[in-house]
Amino acid sequence: MRTILISEDEPDAQESLKNILKAKDYAVYTAKDGAEAIDVAKEINPDLVLLDIRMPKVDGLEVAREGRKFNSQTKIIFITAFQSPELVKEALKTELLAVSLEHLLWERFQYYHSEDDALPHK
């Protein structure tokens, strides 16, 4: 079973994403801030991380940089309600995908899910 870590400080958004993914039979873990996300990621070594950019303690960009140190294979999708060119530039510097929470629809996830280099479902 593939593992997904959702790191989102907004409880309703985190719960919604968790429910959608659990219904598709993924093993889903959650973190409420960046520091917890780093700890959980080190413990579970997830296949995919849905990562809020603006979080308490440690922001998502730093979480991604830190995560790359111990697992360069984990796929990361940034989620955020804040849209700014600076955030997109910083996200792209980490060679990861940046998306907006408002536009993270199940169809979009399915599209990325079906790509050859995306997370395969087992």
Protein backbone atom coordinates (compact mmCIF):
# COMPACT_ATOMS: atom_id res chain seq x y z
CA MET A 1 0.00 0.00 0.00
CA ARG A 2 1.32 3.44 -0.93
CA THR A 3 1.77 5.98 1.84
CA ILE A 4 0.81 9.62 1.68
CA LEU A 5 1.67 12.32 4.19
CA ILE A 6 -0.62 15.34 4.37
CA SER A 7 1.00 18.30 6.06
CA GLU A 8 -1.65 20.98 6.43
CA ASP A 9 -2.30 23.29 9.39
CA GLU A 10 -5.95 23.92 8.43
CA PRO A 11 -7.87 21.05 10.10
CA ASP A 12 -10.82 21.01 7.67
CA ALA A 13 -8.58 20.90 4.59
CA GLN A 14 -6.43 18.19 6.15
CA GLU A 15 -9.46 16.09 7.06
CA SER A 16 -11.01 16.44 3.58
CA LEU A 17 -7.83 15.36 1.83
CA LYS A 18 -7.36 12.49 4.28
CA ASN A 19 -10.90 11.19 3.71
CA ILE A 20 -10.59 11.32 -0.09
CA LEU A 21 -7.29 9.45 -0.08
CA LYS A 22 -8.29 6.86 2.52
CA ALA A 23 -11.38 6.09 0.42
CA LYS A 24 -8.96 5.22 -2.40
CA ASP A 25 -7.09 2.79 -0.11
CA TYR A 26 -3.94 4.80 0.51
CA ALA A 27 -2.20 4.69 3.89
CA VAL A 28 -2.59 8.31 5.00
CA TYR A 29 -0.62 10.10 7.72
CA THR A 30 -1.03 13.70 8.80
CA ALA A 31 1.02 16.51 10.32
CA LYS A 32 -0.27 19.84 11.61
CA ASP A 33 2.96 21.82 11.14
CA GLY A 34 6.29 21.65 9.37
CA ALA A 35 8.28 20.30 12.29
CA GLU A 36 5.84 17.42 12.75
CA ALA A 37 5.90 16.78 8.98
CA ILE A 38 9.67 16.29 9.04
CA ASP A 39 9.42 13.88 11.98
CA VAL A 40 6.59 11.85 10.41
CA ALA A 41 8.29 11.74 7.01
CA LYS A 42 11.50 10.40 8.56
CA GLU A 43 9.47 7.73 10.33
CA ILE A 44 7.22 6.53 7.49
CA ASN A 45 9.22 7.45 4.35
CA PRO A 46 6.09 8.38 2.34
CA ASP A 47 5.62 7.88 -1.39
CA LEU A 48 3.84 11.24 -1.70
CA VAL A 49 3.62 14.37 0.46
CA LEU A 50 0.85 16.94 0.10
CA LEU A 51 2.59 19.88 1.68
CA ASP A 52 1.16 23.24 2.71
CA ILE A 53 3.66 26.02 2.07
CA ARG A 54 2.72 28.33 4.94
CA MET A 55 2.68 26.44 8.22
CA PRO A 56 3.68 27.09 11.81
CA LYS A 57 7.16 26.24 13.09
CA VAL A 58 8.73 25.25 9.75
CA ASP A 59 7.35 26.32 6.36
CA GLY A 60 6.67 23.83 3.59
CA LEU A 61 9.60 24.91 1.45
CA GLU A 62 12.01 24.12 4.28
CA VAL A 63 10.23 20.83 4.94
CA ALA A 64 10.76 19.91 1.26
CA ARG A 65 14.44 20.86 1.38
CA GLU A 66 14.95 18.85 4.56
CA GLY A 67 13.00 15.90 3.18
CA ARG A 68 15.21 15.78 0.09
CA LYS A 69 18.18 15.16 2.37
CA PHE A 70 16.84 11.79 3.53
CA ASN A 71 14.64 10.75 0.59
CA SER A 72 15.02 12.21 -2.87
CA GLN A 73 12.42 9.84 -4.35
CA THR A 74 9.36 11.07 -2.45
CA LYS A 75 6.95 12.97 -4.69
CA ILE A 76 5.86 16.32 -3.23
CA ILE A 77 2.91 18.47 -4.19
CA PHE A 78 2.70 21.89 -2.58
CA ILE A 79 -0.76 23.04 -1.55
CA THR A 80 -1.50 26.57 -0.50
CA ALA A 81 -4.30 29.11 -0.38
CA PHE A 82 -1.73 31.86 -0.97
CA GLN A 83 -0.92 32.56 -4.59
CA SER A 84 2.13 34.66 -5.23
CA PRO A 85 4.83 34.57 -7.89
CA GLU A 86 7.52 34.48 -5.19
CA LEU A 87 6.10 31.29 -3.64
CA VAL A 88 5.86 29.61 -7.04
CA LYS A 89 9.47 30.56 -7.84
CA GLU A 90 10.69 29.16 -4.51
CA ALA A 91 8.67 25.97 -4.98
CA LEU A 92 10.06 25.48 -8.47
CA LYS A 93 13.61 25.93 -7.17
CA THR A 94 13.06 22.78 -5.12
CA GLU A 95 12.10 20.98 -8.37
CA LEU A 96 8.69 20.16 -6.99
CA LEU A 97 5.15 20.80 -8.14
CA ALA A 98 3.29 23.86 -6.85
CA VAL A 99 -0.50 23.96 -6.89
CA SER A 100 -3.15 25.99 -5.16
CA LEU A 101 -5.45 24.43 -2.58
CA GLU A 102 -8.45 26.00 -4.28
CA HIS A 103 -7.63 24.07 -7.43
CA LEU A 104 -6.64 20.74 -5.89
CA LEU A 105 -9.60 18.76 -7.17
CA TRP A 106 -9.82 15.01 -7.23
CA GLU A 107 -9.67 15.06 -11.05
CA ARG A 108 -6.39 16.97 -10.89
CA PHE A 109 -4.97 14.42 -8.46
CA GLN A 110 -6.14 11.61 -10.72
CA TYR A 111 -4.38 13.26 -13.67
CA TYR A 112 -1.05 13.39 -11.85
CA HIS A 113 -1.70 9.95 -10.44
CA SER A 114 -1.96 8.50 -13.94
CA GLU A 115 1.28 10.00 -15.30
CA ASP A 116 4.15 7.54 -15.85
CA ASP A 117 6.39 9.19 -13.28
CA ALA A 118 3.59 9.85 -10.79
CA LEU A 119 2.74 7.76 -7.77
CA PRO A 120 1.55 4.33 -8.92
CA HIS A 121 -1.37 2.82 -7.03
CA LYS A 122 -0.83 -0.69 -5.66
